[in-house]
Amino acid sequence: MYKKLVSALYVLNIVSQAIFTLALPIGLGVLASYLLTKHAGAPSWIWALLIVLGAMSGLYSMIKFILSATAGLERLEKEHNTKEKKENSGNET
């Protein structure tokens, strides 16, 4: 039961961080485009450009994060399996 709870919390952490890494660059693009158009007098097409760049940056960082998180999870599972094999081989002799 304890291991399932920890696994569920680990997955929830990864999902929430992935959503955050996707949403933050988009939000920053919206904020920057608002500030540039309202206060600096930039043309209105800057909205589309910065939102698209934010979305592309967010997707890239989210995919990069998910790949690194799954690689870390695979490494932990491999270490756990190796540890279990060593304990089981020690118990058999």
PDB file of N, CA and C in Angstrom:
ATOM      1  N   MET A   1       0.817  -1.191   0.000  1.00  0.00           N
ATOM      2  CA  MET A   1       0.000   0.000   0.000  1.00  0.00           C
ATOM      3  C   MET A   1       0.862   1.256   0.000  1.00  0.00           C
ATOM      4  N   TYR A   2       1.917   1.248   0.812  1.00  0.00           N
ATOM      5  CA  TYR A   2       2.799   2.405   0.913  1.00  0.00           C
ATOM      6  C   TYR A   2       3.491   2.683  -0.426  1.00  0.00           C
ATOM      7  N   LYS A   3       3.944   1.625  -1.104  1.00  0.00           N
ATOM      8  CA  LYS A   3       4.632   1.805  -2.380  1.00  0.00           C
ATOM      9  C   LYS A   3       3.688   2.351  -3.443  1.00  0.00           C
ATOM     10  N   LYS A   4       2.420   1.921  -3.416  1.00  0.00           N
ATOM     11  CA  LYS A   4       1.452   2.424  -4.396  1.00  0.00           C
ATOM     12  C   LYS A   4       1.173   3.908  -4.164  1.00  0.00           C
ATOM     13  N   LEU A   5       1.094   4.313  -2.908  1.00  0.00           N
ATOM     14  CA  LEU A   5       0.858   5.715  -2.592  1.00  0.00           C
ATOM     15  C   LEU A   5       2.026   6.578  -3.045  1.00  0.00           C
ATOM     16  N   VAL A   6       3.233   6.122  -2.784  1.00  0.00           N
ATOM     17  CA  VAL A   6       4.420   6.869  -3.204  1.00  0.00           C
ATOM     18  C   VAL A   6       4.487   6.938  -4.724  1.00  0.00           C
ATOM     19  N   SER A   7       4.164   5.856  -5.406  1.00  0.00           N
ATOM     20  CA  SER A   7       4.167   5.865  -6.870  1.00  0.00           C
ATOM     21  C   SER A   7       3.116   6.825  -7.414  1.00  0.00           C
ATOM     22  N   ALA A   8       1.943   6.837  -6.809  1.00  0.00           N
ATOM     23  CA  ALA A   8       0.888   7.747  -7.259  1.00  0.00           C
ATOM     24  C   ALA A   8       1.293   9.196  -7.042  1.00  0.00           C
ATOM     25  N   LEU A   9       1.909   9.505  -5.922  1.00  0.00           N
ATOM     26  CA  LEU A   9       2.366  10.862  -5.666  1.00  0.00           C
ATOM     27  C   LEU A   9       3.490  11.262  -6.618  1.00  0.00           C
ATOM     28  N   TYR A  10       4.358  10.311  -6.953  1.00  0.00           N
ATOM     29  CA  TYR A  10       5.438  10.585  -7.903  1.00  0.00           C
ATOM     30  C   TYR A  10       4.861  10.919  -9.272  1.00  0.00           C
ATOM     31  N   VAL A  11       3.862  10.162  -9.708  1.00  0.00           N
ATOM     32  CA  VAL A  11       3.226  10.427 -11.003  1.00  0.00           C
ATOM     33  C   VAL A  11       2.496  11.768 -10.969  1.00  0.00           C
ATOM     34  N   LEU A  12       1.816  12.069  -9.878  1.00  0.00           N
ATOM     35  CA  LEU A  12       1.125  13.355  -9.745  1.00  0.00           C
ATOM     36  C   LEU A  12       2.117  14.507  -9.803  1.00  0.00           C
ATOM     37  N   ASN A  13       3.266  14.337  -9.196  1.00  0.00           N
ATOM     38  CA  ASN A  13       4.316  15.355  -9.232  1.00  0.00           C
ATOM     39  C   ASN A  13       4.807  15.568 -10.659  1.00  0.00           C
ATOM     40  N   ILE A  14       5.041  14.502 -11.389  1.00  0.00           N
ATOM     41  CA  ILE A  14       5.524  14.618 -12.765  1.00  0.00           C
ATOM     42  C   ILE A  14       4.482  15.305 -13.641  1.00  0.00           C
ATOM     43  N   VAL A  15       3.221  14.928 -13.489  1.00  0.00           N
ATOM     44  CA  VAL A  15       2.161  15.532 -14.305  1.00  0.00           C
ATOM     45  C   VAL A  15       2.021  17.025 -13.996  1.00  0.00           C
ATOM     46  N   SER A  16       2.040  17.382 -12.724  1.00  0.00           N
ATOM     47  CA  SER A  16       1.883  18.798 -12.373  1.00  0.00           C
ATOM     48  C   SER A  16       3.075  19.620 -12.863  1.00  0.00           C
ATOM     49  N   GLN A  17       4.275  19.080 -12.769  1.00  0.00           N
ATOM     50  CA  GLN A  17       5.435  19.802 -13.270  1.00  0.00           C
ATOM     51  C   GLN A  17       5.401  19.917 -14.790  1.00  0.00           C
ATOM     52  N   ALA A  18       4.916  18.883 -15.475  1.00  0.00           N
ATOM     53  CA  ALA A  18       4.819  18.934 -16.930  1.00  0.00           C
ATOM     54  C   ALA A  18       3.822  20.007 -17.358  1.00  0.00           C
ATOM     55  N   ILE A  19       2.694  20.099 -16.677  1.00  0.00           N
ATOM     56  CA  ILE A  19       1.704  21.132 -16.998  1.00  0.00           C
ATOM     57  C   ILE A  19       2.286  22.518 -16.727  1.00  0.00           C
ATOM     58  N   PHE A  20       3.010  22.652 -15.639  1.00  0.00           N
ATOM     59  CA  PHE A  20       3.618  23.939 -15.303  1.00  0.00           C
ATOM     60  C   PHE A  20       4.656  24.348 -16.336  1.00  0.00           C
ATOM     61  N   THR A  21       5.489  23.397 -16.780  1.00  0.00           N
ATOM     62  CA  THR A  21       6.514  23.731 -17.767  1.00  0.00           C
ATOM     63  C   THR A  21       5.899  24.049 -19.127  1.00  0.00           C
ATOM     64  N   LEU A  22       4.691  23.582 -19.386  1.00  0.00           N
ATOM     65  CA  LEU A  22       4.000  23.938 -20.623  1.00  0.00           C
ATOM     66  C   LEU A  22       3.325  25.302 -20.502  1.00  0.00           C
ATOM     67  N   ALA A  23       2.692  25.571 -19.379  1.00  0.00           N
ATOM     68  CA  ALA A  23       1.886  26.781 -19.232  1.00  0.00           C
ATOM     69  C   ALA A  23       2.721  28.037 -18.970  1.00  0.00           C
ATOM     70  N   LEU A  24       3.829  27.898 -18.270  1.00  0.00           N
ATOM     71  CA  LEU A  24       4.605  29.080 -17.901  1.00  0.00           C
ATOM     72  C   LEU A  24       5.145  29.842 -19.110  1.00  0.00           C
ATOM     73  N   PRO A  25       5.787  29.221 -20.091  1.00  0.00           N
ATOM     74  CA  PRO A  25       6.265  30.007 -21.241  1.00  0.00           C
ATOM     75  C   PRO A  25       5.131  30.664 -22.032  1.00  0.00           C
ATOM     76  N   ILE A  26       3.984  30.003 -22.117  1.00  0.00           N
ATOM     77  CA  ILE A  26       2.849  30.611 -22.812  1.00  0.00           C
ATOM     78  C   ILE A  26       2.378  31.847 -22.046  1.00  0.00           C
ATOM     79  N   GLY A  27       2.275  31.724 -20.744  1.00  0.00           N
ATOM     80  CA  GLY A  27       1.873  32.862 -19.917  1.00  0.00           C
ATOM     81  C   GLY A  27       2.862  34.013 -19.999  1.00  0.00           C
ATOM     82  N   LEU A  28       4.141  33.691 -20.017  1.00  0.00           N
ATOM     83  CA  LEU A  28       5.149  34.742 -20.147  1.00  0.00           C
ATOM     84  C   LEU A  28       5.076  35.409 -21.510  1.00  0.00           C
ATOM     85  N   GLY A  29       4.768  34.631 -22.549  1.00  0.00           N
ATOM     86  CA  GLY A  29       4.596  35.212 -23.885  1.00  0.00           C
ATOM     87  C   GLY A  29       3.423  36.158 -23.932  1.00  0.00           C
ATOM     88  N   VAL A  30       2.320  35.776 -23.291  1.00  0.00           N
ATOM     89  CA  VAL A  30       1.145  36.659 -23.237  1.00  0.00           C
ATOM     90  C   VAL A  30       1.473  37.929 -22.461  1.00  0.00           C
ATOM     91  N   LEU A  31       2.128  37.789 -21.324  1.00  0.00           N
ATOM     92  CA  LEU A  31       2.479  38.952 -20.516  1.00  0.00           C
ATOM     93  C   LEU A  31       3.432  39.884 -21.263  1.00  0.00           C
ATOM     94  N   ALA A  32       4.453  39.312 -21.882  1.00  0.00           N
ATOM     95  CA  ALA A  32       5.413  40.137 -22.620  1.00  0.00           C
ATOM     96  C   ALA A  32       4.745  40.844 -23.792  1.00  0.00           C
ATOM     97  N   SER A  33       3.878  40.144 -24.504  1.00  0.00           N
ATOM     98  CA  SER A  33       3.215  40.786 -25.638  1.00  0.00           C
ATOM     99  C   SER A  33       2.267  41.890 -25.173  1.00  0.00           C
ATOM    100  N   TYR A  34       1.598  41.687 -24.055  1.00  0.00           N
ATOM    101  CA  TYR A  34       0.735  42.732 -23.503  1.00  0.00           C
ATOM    102  C   TYR A  34       1.554  43.969 -23.152  1.00  0.00           C
ATOM    103  N   LEU A  35       2.660  43.746 -22.451  1.00  0.00           N
ATOM    104  CA  LEU A  35       3.492  44.881 -22.051  1.00  0.00           C
ATOM    105  C   LEU A  35       4.087  45.598 -23.254  1.00  0.00           C
ATOM    106  N   LEU A  36       4.508  44.836 -24.257  1.00  0.00           N
ATOM    107  CA  LEU A  36       5.091  45.470 -25.437  1.00  0.00           C
ATOM    108  C   LEU A  36       4.069  46.263 -26.243  1.00  0.00           C
ATOM    109  N   THR A  37       2.868  45.739 -26.376  1.00  0.00           N
ATOM    110  CA  THR A  37       1.871  46.463 -27.176  1.00  0.00           C
ATOM    111  C   THR A  37       1.270  47.644 -26.435  1.00  0.00           C
ATOM    112  N   LYS A  38       1.015  47.499 -25.162  1.00  0.00           N
ATOM    113  CA  LYS A  38       0.355  48.579 -24.411  1.00  0.00           C
ATOM    114  C   LYS A  38       1.317  49.682 -23.977  1.00  0.00           C
ATOM    115  N   HIS A  39       2.511  49.309 -23.559  1.00  0.00           N
ATOM    116  CA  HIS A  39       3.409  50.302 -22.977  1.00  0.00           C
ATOM    117  C   HIS A  39       4.544  50.718 -23.905  1.00  0.00           C
ATOM    118  N   ALA A  40       4.965  49.858 -24.804  1.00  0.00           N
ATOM    119  CA  ALA A  40       6.092  50.197 -25.674  1.00  0.00           C
ATOM    120  C   ALA A  40       5.638  50.562 -27.087  1.00  0.00           C
ATOM    121  N   GLY A  41       4.365  50.366 -27.377  1.00  0.00           N
ATOM    122  CA  GLY A  41       3.862  50.738 -28.687  1.00  0.00           C
ATOM    123  C   GLY A  41       4.243  49.786 -29.808  1.00  0.00           C
ATOM    124  N   ALA A  42       4.497  48.534 -29.486  1.00  0.00           N
ATOM    125  CA  ALA A  42       4.847  47.546 -30.512  1.00  0.00           C
ATOM    126  C   ALA A  42       3.605  47.216 -31.337  1.00  0.00           C
ATOM    127  N   PRO A  43       3.801  46.739 -32.577  1.00  0.00           N
ATOM    128  CA  PRO A  43       2.640  46.387 -33.405  1.00  0.00           C
ATOM    129  C   PRO A  43       1.870  45.203 -32.825  1.00  0.00           C
ATOM    130  N   SER A  44       0.615  45.075 -33.213  1.00  0.00           N
ATOM    131  CA  SER A  44      -0.258  44.060 -32.609  1.00  0.00           C
ATOM    132  C   SER A  44       0.081  42.642 -33.045  1.00  0.00           C
ATOM    133  N   TRP A  45       0.817  42.446 -34.135  1.00  0.00           N
ATOM    134  CA  TRP A  45       1.169  41.098 -34.561  1.00  0.00           C
ATOM    135  C   TRP A  45       2.162  40.449 -33.599  1.00  0.00           C
ATOM    136  N   ILE A  46       2.743  41.240 -32.711  1.00  0.00           N
ATOM    137  CA  ILE A  46       3.690  40.689 -31.729  1.00  0.00           C
ATOM    138  C   ILE A  46       2.996  39.706 -30.801  1.00  0.00           C
ATOM    139  N   TRP A  47       1.654  39.883 -30.603  1.00  0.00           N
ATOM    140  CA  TRP A  47       0.885  38.946 -29.777  1.00  0.00           C
ATOM    141  C   TRP A  47       1.022  37.539 -30.326  1.00  0.00           C
ATOM    142  N   ALA A  48       0.718  37.379 -31.595  1.00  0.00           N
ATOM    143  CA  ALA A  48       0.743  36.048 -32.215  1.00  0.00           C
ATOM    144  C   ALA A  48       2.145  35.456 -32.174  1.00  0.00           C
ATOM    145  N   LEU A  49       3.133  36.279 -32.477  1.00  0.00           N
ATOM    146  CA  LEU A  49       4.510  35.791 -32.503  1.00  0.00           C
ATOM    147  C   LEU A  49       4.960  35.284 -31.132  1.00  0.00           C
ATOM    148  N   LEU A  50       4.729  36.071 -30.103  1.00  0.00           N
ATOM    149  CA  LEU A  50       5.193  35.673 -28.769  1.00  0.00           C
ATOM    150  C   LEU A  50       4.395  34.512 -28.191  1.00  0.00           C
ATOM    151  N   ILE A  51       3.112  34.422 -28.510  1.00  0.00           N
ATOM    152  CA  ILE A  51       2.325  33.288 -28.021  1.00  0.00           C
ATOM    153  C   ILE A  51       2.768  31.999 -28.710  1.00  0.00           C
ATOM    154  N   VAL A  52       3.028  32.065 -30.018  1.00  0.00           N
ATOM    155  CA  VAL A  52       3.504  30.875 -30.740  1.00  0.00           C
ATOM    156  C   VAL A  52       4.882  30.467 -30.230  1.00  0.00           C
ATOM    157  N   LEU A  53       5.769  31.436 -30.038  1.00  0.00           N
ATOM    158  CA  LEU A  53       7.096  31.115 -29.497  1.00  0.00           C
ATOM    159  C   LEU A  53       6.995  30.533 -28.080  1.00  0.00           C
ATOM    160  N   GLY A  54       6.101  31.070 -27.271  1.00  0.00           N
ATOM    161  CA  GLY A  54       5.898  30.538 -25.923  1.00  0.00           C
ATOM    162  C   GLY A  54       5.369  29.115 -25.955  1.00  0.00           C
ATOM    163  N   ALA A  55       4.426  28.852 -26.876  1.00  0.00           N
ATOM    164  CA  ALA A  55       3.876  27.496 -26.988  1.00  0.00           C
ATOM    165  C   ALA A  55       4.943  26.512 -27.454  1.00  0.00           C
ATOM    166  N   MET A  56       5.756  26.921 -28.423  1.00  0.00           N
ATOM    167  CA  MET A  56       6.819  26.036 -28.899  1.00  0.00           C
ATOM    168  C   MET A  56       7.846  25.777 -27.804  1.00  0.00           C
ATOM    169  N   SER A  57       8.211  26.821 -27.085  1.00  0.00           N
ATOM    170  CA  SER A  57       9.162  26.676 -25.981  1.00  0.00           C
ATOM    171  C   SER A  57       8.588  25.806 -24.868  1.00  0.00           C
ATOM    172  N   GLY A  58       7.307  25.983 -24.577  1.00  0.00           N
ATOM    173  CA  GLY A  58       6.663  25.172 -23.544  1.00  0.00           C
ATOM    174  C   GLY A  58       6.597  23.705 -23.919  1.00  0.00           C
ATOM    175  N   LEU A  59       6.257  23.420 -25.171  1.00  0.00           N
ATOM    176  CA  LEU A  59       6.221  22.022 -25.622  1.00  0.00           C
ATOM    177  C   LEU A  59       7.601  21.387 -25.558  1.00  0.00           C
ATOM    178  N   TYR A  60       8.612  22.140 -26.002  1.00  0.00           N
ATOM    179  CA  TYR A  60       9.977  21.615 -25.968  1.00  0.00           C
ATOM    180  C   TYR A  60      10.424  21.310 -24.539  1.00  0.00           C
ATOM    181  N   SER A  61      10.193  22.254 -23.632  1.00  0.00           N
ATOM    182  CA  SER A  61      10.634  22.030 -22.255  1.00  0.00           C
ATOM    183  C   SER A  61       9.823  20.933 -21.573  1.00  0.00           C
ATOM    184  N   MET A  62       8.520  20.802 -21.909  1.00  0.00           N
ATOM    185  CA  MET A  62       7.710  19.745 -21.321  1.00  0.00           C
ATOM    186  C   MET A  62       8.179  18.378 -21.795  1.00  0.00           C
ATOM    187  N   ILE A  63       8.442  18.244 -23.079  1.00  0.00           N
ATOM    188  CA  ILE A  63       8.918  16.960 -23.604  1.00  0.00           C
ATOM    189  C   ILE A  63      10.279  16.619 -23.014  1.00  0.00           C
ATOM    190  N   LYS A  64      11.154  17.599 -22.919  1.00  0.00           N
ATOM    191  CA  LYS A  64      12.479  17.376 -22.326  1.00  0.00           C
ATOM    192  C   LYS A  64      12.358  16.931 -20.866  1.00  0.00           C
ATOM    193  N   PHE A  65      11.457  17.574 -20.112  1.00  0.00           N
ATOM    194  CA  PHE A  65      11.249  17.202 -18.714  1.00  0.00           C
ATOM    195  C   PHE A  65      10.692  15.787 -18.592  1.00  0.00           C
ATOM    196  N   ILE A  66       9.701  15.453 -19.412  1.00  0.00           N
ATOM    197  CA  ILE A  66       9.091  14.122 -19.333  1.00  0.00           C
ATOM    198  C   ILE A  66      10.110  13.040 -19.675  1.00  0.00           C
ATOM    199  N   LEU A  67      10.934  13.282 -20.685  1.00  0.00           N
ATOM    200  CA  LEU A  67      11.956  12.294 -21.041  1.00  0.00           C
ATOM    201  C   LEU A  67      12.976  12.113 -19.923  1.00  0.00           C
ATOM    202  N   SER A  68      13.384  13.207 -19.287  1.00  0.00           N
ATOM    203  CA  SER A  68      14.353  13.072 -18.198  1.00  0.00           C
ATOM    204  C   SER A  68      13.721  12.414 -16.976  1.00  0.00           C
ATOM    205  N   ALA A  69      12.446  12.693 -16.722  1.00  0.00           N
ATOM    206  CA  ALA A  69      11.769  12.078 -15.576  1.00  0.00           C
ATOM    207  C   ALA A  69      11.582  10.578 -15.791  1.00  0.00           C
ATOM    208  N   THR A  70      11.229  10.169 -17.002  1.00  0.00           N
ATOM    209  CA  THR A  70      11.067   8.737 -17.259  1.00  0.00           C
ATOM    210  C   THR A  70      12.406   8.022 -17.237  1.00  0.00           C
ATOM    211  N   ALA A  71      13.464   8.689 -17.682  1.00  0.00           N
ATOM    212  CA  ALA A  71      14.786   8.070 -17.607  1.00  0.00           C
ATOM    213  C   ALA A  71      15.202   7.874 -16.146  1.00  0.00           C
ATOM    214  N   GLY A  72      14.908   8.861 -15.311  1.00  0.00           N
ATOM    215  CA  GLY A  72      15.218   8.728 -13.886  1.00  0.00           C
ATOM    216  C   GLY A  72      14.403   7.635 -13.227  1.00  0.00           C
ATOM    217  N   LEU A  73      13.131   7.511 -13.616  1.00  0.00           N
ATOM    218  CA  LEU A  73      12.282   6.457 -13.066  1.00  0.00           C
ATOM    219  C   LEU A  73      12.778   5.084 -13.491  1.00  0.00           C
ATOM    220  N   GLU A  74      13.187   4.938 -14.741  1.00  0.00           N
ATOM    221  CA  GLU A  74      13.729   3.661 -15.203  1.00  0.00           C
ATOM    222  C   GLU A  74      15.006   3.309 -14.456  1.00  0.00           C
ATOM    223  N   ARG A  75      15.856   4.312 -14.204  1.00  0.00           N
ATOM    224  CA  ARG A  75      17.088   4.067 -13.458  1.00  0.00           C
ATOM    225  C   ARG A  75      16.783   3.600 -12.032  1.00  0.00           C
ATOM    226  N   LEU A  76      15.801   4.228 -11.385  1.00  0.00           N
ATOM    227  CA  LEU A  76      15.431   3.821 -10.029  1.00  0.00           C
ATOM    228  C   LEU A  76      14.856   2.412 -10.005  1.00  0.00           C
ATOM    229  N   GLU A  77      14.027   2.072 -10.993  1.00  0.00           N
ATOM    230  CA  GLU A  77      13.474   0.721 -11.056  1.00  0.00           C
ATOM    231  C   GLU A  77      14.567  -0.313 -11.293  1.00  0.00           C
ATOM    232  N   LYS A  78      15.538   0.014 -12.135  1.00  0.00           N
ATOM    233  CA  LYS A  78      16.645  -0.901 -12.410  1.00  0.00           C
ATOM    234  C   LYS A  78      17.481  -1.128 -11.147  1.00  0.00           C
ATOM    235  N   GLU A  79      17.754  -0.052 -10.401  1.00  0.00           N
ATOM    236  CA  GLU A  79      18.501  -0.188  -9.151  1.00  0.00           C
ATOM    237  C   GLU A  79      17.718  -1.009  -8.138  1.00  0.00           C
ATOM    238  N   HIS A  80      16.410  -0.799  -8.092  1.00  0.00           N
ATOM    239  CA  HIS A  80      15.569  -1.556  -7.156  1.00  0.00           C
ATOM    240  C   HIS A  80      15.562  -3.044  -7.517  1.00  0.00           C
ATOM    241  N   ASN A  81      15.449  -3.352  -8.805  1.00  0.00           N
ATOM    242  CA  ASN A  81      15.458  -4.747  -9.241  1.00  0.00           C
ATOM    243  C   ASN A  81      16.798  -5.412  -8.964  1.00  0.00           C
ATOM    244  N   THR A  82      17.890  -4.681  -9.165  1.00  0.00           N
ATOM    245  CA  THR A  82      19.216  -5.217  -8.877  1.00  0.00           C
ATOM    246  C   THR A  82      19.366  -5.499  -7.384  1.00  0.00           C
ATOM    247  N   LYS A  83      18.863  -4.609  -6.565  1.00  0.00           N
ATOM    248  CA  LYS A  83      18.930  -4.780  -5.111  1.00  0.00           C
ATOM    249  C   LYS A  83      18.108  -5.993  -4.674  1.00  0.00           C
ATOM    250  N   GLU A  84      16.913  -6.165  -5.271  1.00  0.00           N
ATOM    251  CA  GLU A  84      16.084  -7.321  -4.933  1.00  0.00           C
ATOM    252  C   GLU A  84      16.755  -8.624  -5.354  1.00  0.00           C
ATOM    253  N   LYS A  85      17.393  -8.633  -6.510  1.00  0.00           N
ATOM    254  CA  LYS A  85      18.086  -9.847  -6.977  1.00  0.00           C
ATOM    255  C   LYS A  85      19.226 -10.217  -6.032  1.00  0.00           C
ATOM    256  N   LYS A  86      19.970  -9.207  -5.568  1.00  0.00           N
ATOM    257  CA  LYS A  86      21.060  -9.473  -4.637  1.00  0.00           C
ATOM    258  C   LYS A  86      20.530 -10.019  -3.313  1.00  0.00           C
ATOM    259  N   GLU A  87      19.421  -9.470  -2.831  1.00  0.00           N
ATOM    260  CA  GLU A  87      18.844  -9.946  -1.577  1.00  0.00           C
ATOM    261  C   GLU A  87      18.297 -11.368  -1.740  1.00  0.00           C
ATOM    262  N   ASN A  88      17.666 -11.650  -2.861  1.00  0.00           N
ATOM    263  CA  ASN A  88      17.121 -12.983  -3.095  1.00  0.00           C
ATOM    264  C   ASN A  88      18.226 -14.020  -3.280  1.00  0.00           C
ATOM    265  N   SER A  89      19.314 -13.661  -3.932  1.00  0.00           N
ATOM    266  CA  SER A  89      20.404 -14.609  -4.105  1.00  0.00           C
ATOM    267  C   SER A  89      21.113 -14.868  -2.773  1.00  0.00           C
ATOM    268  N   GLY A  90      21.137 -13.885  -1.901  1.00  0.00           N
ATOM    269  CA  GLY A  90      21.736 -14.068  -0.574  1.00  0.00           C
ATOM    270  C   GLY A  90      20.881 -14.931   0.318  1.00  0.00           C
ATOM    271  N   ASN A  91      19.569 -14.915   0.145  1.00  0.00           N
ATOM    272  CA  ASN A  91      18.653 -15.701   0.957  1.00  0.00           C
ATOM    273  C   ASN A  91      18.626 -17.157   0.544  1.00  0.00           C
ATOM    274  N   GLU A  92      18.924 -17.438  -0.728  1.00  0.00           N
ATOM    275  CA  GLU A  92      18.864 -18.820  -1.240  1.00  0.00           C
ATOM    276  C   GLU A  92      20.042 -19.663  -0.795  1.00  0.00           C
ATOM    277  N   THR A  93      21.183 -19.075  -0.535  1.00  0.00           N
ATOM    278  CA  THR A  93      22.364 -19.854  -0.169  1.00  0.00           C
ATOM    279  C   THR A  93      22.436 -20.151   1.284  1.00  0.00           C
TER     280      THR A  93
END
